[in-house]
Amino acid sequence: MLLVESLLLMALAVPLLARIAWLDFTTQEIANRDVLLLLCLGAGSLLLMSLRSGSWWDIGLSALAGLLLFVALFPFWALRRIGAGDVKLMATVPFLIGGGWLVMFSILLLFFALVTVLVVKNPTLLPEGAFRVYTQHLDRKGVVPFGVPISLASICTIALQIVSSLMAPGGL
């Protein structure tokens, strides 16, 4: 039964991640309350999974990964290459998806970041209406919303986790 509650907490994070992506795209801000809520949902999900499995390895790995991501990205924030919300969001993601899914998240993040770079370098790939909105946004701020690929990679990883849990023999 703990698996169902854990998956429910992860599923509740999906609309929040979509909200973060949208707000980061439109306003270039990621609210601390949204990141804190994601952290609580992720930590709760990890706790339930750890209680189910009897192993605390995943929580430890997630905490270590979150700390390493924060320490590694902090200098980029200090140099104004990445926003503080992006750093906090990246440090929170390991708690949300768990240590065992970090490789899949990394692959998806690389893919979505490359798509973002492709769109930024070639904005004519977008439809005309979206092109105008996107170029006006970039002209106004002069930065790229990195919270969008982070959120998309997180949503896809959560979806893969839920599907794999449902497909596993004796999963639910």
Protein backbone atom coordinates (compact mmCIF):
# COMPACT_ATOMS: atom_id res chain seq x y z
CA MET A 1 0.00 0.00 0.00
CA LEU A 2 2.93 2.35 0.59
CA LEU A 3 3.79 2.15 -3.10
CA VAL A 4 0.42 3.64 -4.06
CA GLU A 5 0.86 6.58 -1.69
CA SER A 6 4.42 7.14 -2.90
CA LEU A 7 3.30 7.16 -6.54
CA LEU A 8 0.46 9.51 -5.64
CA LEU A 9 2.90 11.99 -4.09
CA MET A 10 5.03 11.84 -7.23
CA ALA A 11 1.96 12.30 -9.44
CA LEU A 12 0.98 15.37 -7.39
CA ALA A 13 4.36 16.87 -8.27
CA VAL A 14 3.63 16.77 -12.02
CA PRO A 15 1.21 19.75 -12.11
CA LEU A 16 3.55 21.67 -9.83
CA LEU A 17 6.46 20.98 -12.19
CA ALA A 18 4.33 22.12 -15.13
CA ARG A 19 3.54 25.33 -13.23
CA ILE A 20 7.22 25.88 -12.48
CA ALA A 21 8.10 25.39 -16.16
CA TRP A 22 5.42 27.83 -17.30
CA LEU A 23 6.29 30.49 -14.72
CA ASP A 24 9.99 30.16 -15.42
CA PHE A 25 9.32 30.56 -19.13
CA THR A 26 7.08 33.58 -18.72
CA THR A 27 8.60 35.39 -15.74
CA GLN A 28 12.10 33.91 -15.33
CA GLU A 29 11.33 33.17 -11.68
CA ILE A 30 10.96 29.97 -9.73
CA ALA A 31 9.20 30.56 -6.42
CA ASN A 32 10.79 29.23 -3.26
CA ARG A 33 7.41 27.93 -2.09
CA ASP A 34 7.13 25.76 -5.22
CA VAL A 35 10.60 24.31 -4.73
CA LEU A 36 9.90 23.70 -1.04
CA LEU A 37 6.63 21.96 -1.88
CA LEU A 38 8.46 19.77 -4.42
CA LEU A 39 11.04 18.94 -1.77
CA CYS A 40 8.30 17.91 0.68
CA LEU A 41 6.50 15.79 -1.93
CA GLY A 42 9.75 14.14 -2.96
CA ALA A 43 10.97 13.51 0.58
CA GLY A 44 7.60 12.06 1.53
CA SER A 45 7.61 9.78 -1.49
CA LEU A 46 11.17 8.65 -0.76
CA LEU A 47 10.30 8.02 2.88
CA LEU A 48 7.34 5.84 1.92
CA MET A 49 9.46 3.89 -0.55
CA SER A 50 12.18 3.42 2.05
CA LEU A 51 9.66 2.17 4.60
CA ARG A 52 8.33 -0.27 1.99
CA SER A 53 11.75 -1.59 0.99
CA GLY A 54 13.38 -1.40 4.42
CA SER A 55 16.43 0.32 2.92
CA TRP A 56 17.48 3.92 3.43
CA TRP A 57 20.01 3.82 0.58
CA ASP A 58 17.80 5.78 -1.83
CA ILE A 59 17.27 8.64 0.63
CA GLY A 60 21.00 8.85 1.31
CA LEU A 61 21.85 8.79 -2.38
CA SER A 62 19.23 11.46 -3.12
CA ALA A 63 20.51 13.70 -0.32
CA LEU A 64 24.09 13.31 -1.52
CA ALA A 65 23.11 14.00 -5.14
CA GLY A 66 21.08 17.06 -4.11
CA LEU A 67 23.97 18.43 -2.07
CA LEU A 68 26.47 17.80 -4.87
CA LEU A 69 24.22 19.46 -7.44
CA PHE A 70 23.76 22.50 -5.21
CA VAL A 71 27.51 22.82 -4.55
CA ALA A 72 28.38 22.27 -8.23
CA LEU A 73 25.82 24.79 -9.54
CA PHE A 74 26.32 27.47 -6.87
CA PRO A 75 29.40 28.99 -8.57
CA PHE A 76 27.41 29.30 -11.81
CA TRP A 77 24.79 31.26 -9.89
CA ALA A 78 27.51 33.46 -8.39
CA LEU A 79 28.78 34.16 -11.91
CA ARG A 80 25.20 34.95 -13.05
CA ARG A 81 25.19 32.10 -15.57
CA ILE A 82 22.18 30.37 -14.00
CA GLY A 83 19.37 31.58 -11.78
CA ALA A 84 19.07 30.82 -8.08
CA GLY A 85 15.70 29.13 -8.67
CA ASP A 86 17.29 26.80 -11.22
CA VAL A 87 20.01 25.84 -8.73
CA LYS A 88 17.44 25.13 -6.01
CA LEU A 89 15.22 23.20 -8.41
CA MET A 90 18.14 21.02 -9.56
CA ALA A 91 19.10 20.33 -5.94
CA THR A 92 15.50 19.29 -5.19
CA VAL A 93 15.00 16.95 -8.15
CA PRO A 94 16.97 14.00 -6.68
CA PHE A 95 14.55 13.94 -3.74
CA LEU A 96 11.63 13.95 -6.11
CA ILE A 97 12.76 11.18 -8.46
CA GLY A 98 14.97 9.13 -6.17
CA GLY A 99 18.61 8.13 -6.51
CA GLY A 100 17.91 5.11 -8.70
CA TRP A 101 16.43 7.25 -11.48
CA LEU A 102 19.11 9.93 -11.63
CA VAL A 103 20.72 8.45 -14.75
CA MET A 104 17.42 8.46 -16.63
CA PHE A 105 16.75 12.02 -15.45
CA SER A 106 20.22 13.09 -16.61
CA ILE A 107 19.68 11.62 -20.09
CA LEU A 108 16.29 13.31 -20.39
CA LEU A 109 17.69 16.60 -19.08
CA LEU A 110 20.46 16.46 -21.67
CA PHE A 111 17.92 15.85 -24.41
CA PHE A 112 15.60 18.68 -23.32
CA ALA A 113 18.53 21.07 -22.78
CA LEU A 114 19.77 20.32 -26.32
CA VAL A 115 16.28 20.98 -27.68
CA THR A 116 16.22 24.25 -25.74
CA VAL A 117 19.58 25.28 -27.19
CA LEU A 118 18.39 24.32 -30.67
CA VAL A 119 15.28 26.47 -30.29
CA VAL A 120 17.27 29.38 -28.85
CA LYS A 121 19.80 29.25 -31.69
CA ASN A 122 17.09 28.70 -34.35
CA PRO A 123 13.88 30.37 -33.12
CA THR A 124 12.42 30.15 -36.63
CA LEU A 125 11.69 26.48 -35.84
CA LEU A 126 8.79 27.66 -33.67
CA PRO A 127 5.34 28.56 -35.02
CA GLU A 128 4.91 32.25 -35.81
CA GLY A 129 2.83 33.18 -32.73
CA ALA A 130 5.08 31.31 -30.35
CA PHE A 131 8.09 32.76 -32.15
CA ARG A 132 6.96 36.31 -31.41
CA VAL A 133 6.28 35.58 -27.74
CA TYR A 134 9.56 33.73 -27.34
CA THR A 135 11.70 36.36 -29.05
CA GLN A 136 10.05 39.16 -27.09
CA HIS A 137 10.72 37.23 -23.92
CA LEU A 138 14.37 36.68 -24.79
CA ASP A 139 14.79 40.31 -25.82
CA ARG A 140 13.30 41.50 -22.54
CA LYS A 141 15.32 39.27 -20.25
CA GLY A 142 18.31 38.16 -22.29
CA VAL A 143 18.38 34.74 -20.62
CA VAL A 144 17.13 31.22 -21.24
CA PRO A 145 14.65 29.59 -18.80
CA PHE A 146 16.53 26.48 -17.66
CA GLY A 147 13.67 25.50 -15.34
CA VAL A 148 11.72 24.35 -18.40
CA PRO A 149 14.05 21.46 -19.39
CA ILE A 150 14.54 20.55 -15.72
CA SER A 151 10.78 20.33 -15.22
CA LEU A 152 10.19 18.41 -18.46
CA ALA A 153 12.91 15.89 -17.62
CA SER A 154 11.44 15.48 -14.12
CA ILE A 155 7.91 14.97 -15.45
CA CYS A 156 9.09 12.35 -17.94
CA THR A 157 11.13 10.55 -15.27
CA ILE A 158 8.15 10.50 -12.91
CA ALA A 159 5.95 9.16 -15.70
CA LEU A 160 8.48 6.41 -16.41
CA GLN A 161 8.62 5.54 -12.70
CA ILE A 162 4.84 5.28 -12.47
CA VAL A 163 4.58 3.18 -15.63
CA SER A 164 7.39 0.85 -14.53
CA SER A 165 5.74 0.42 -11.12
CA LEU A 166 2.43 -0.43 -12.76
CA MET A 167 4.05 -2.86 -15.21
CA ALA A 168 6.21 -4.62 -12.63
CA PRO A 169 4.96 -8.03 -11.51
CA GLY A 170 3.26 -7.55 -8.16
CA GLY A 171 3.78 -3.78 -8.46
CA LEU A 172 0.49 -2.56 -7.05
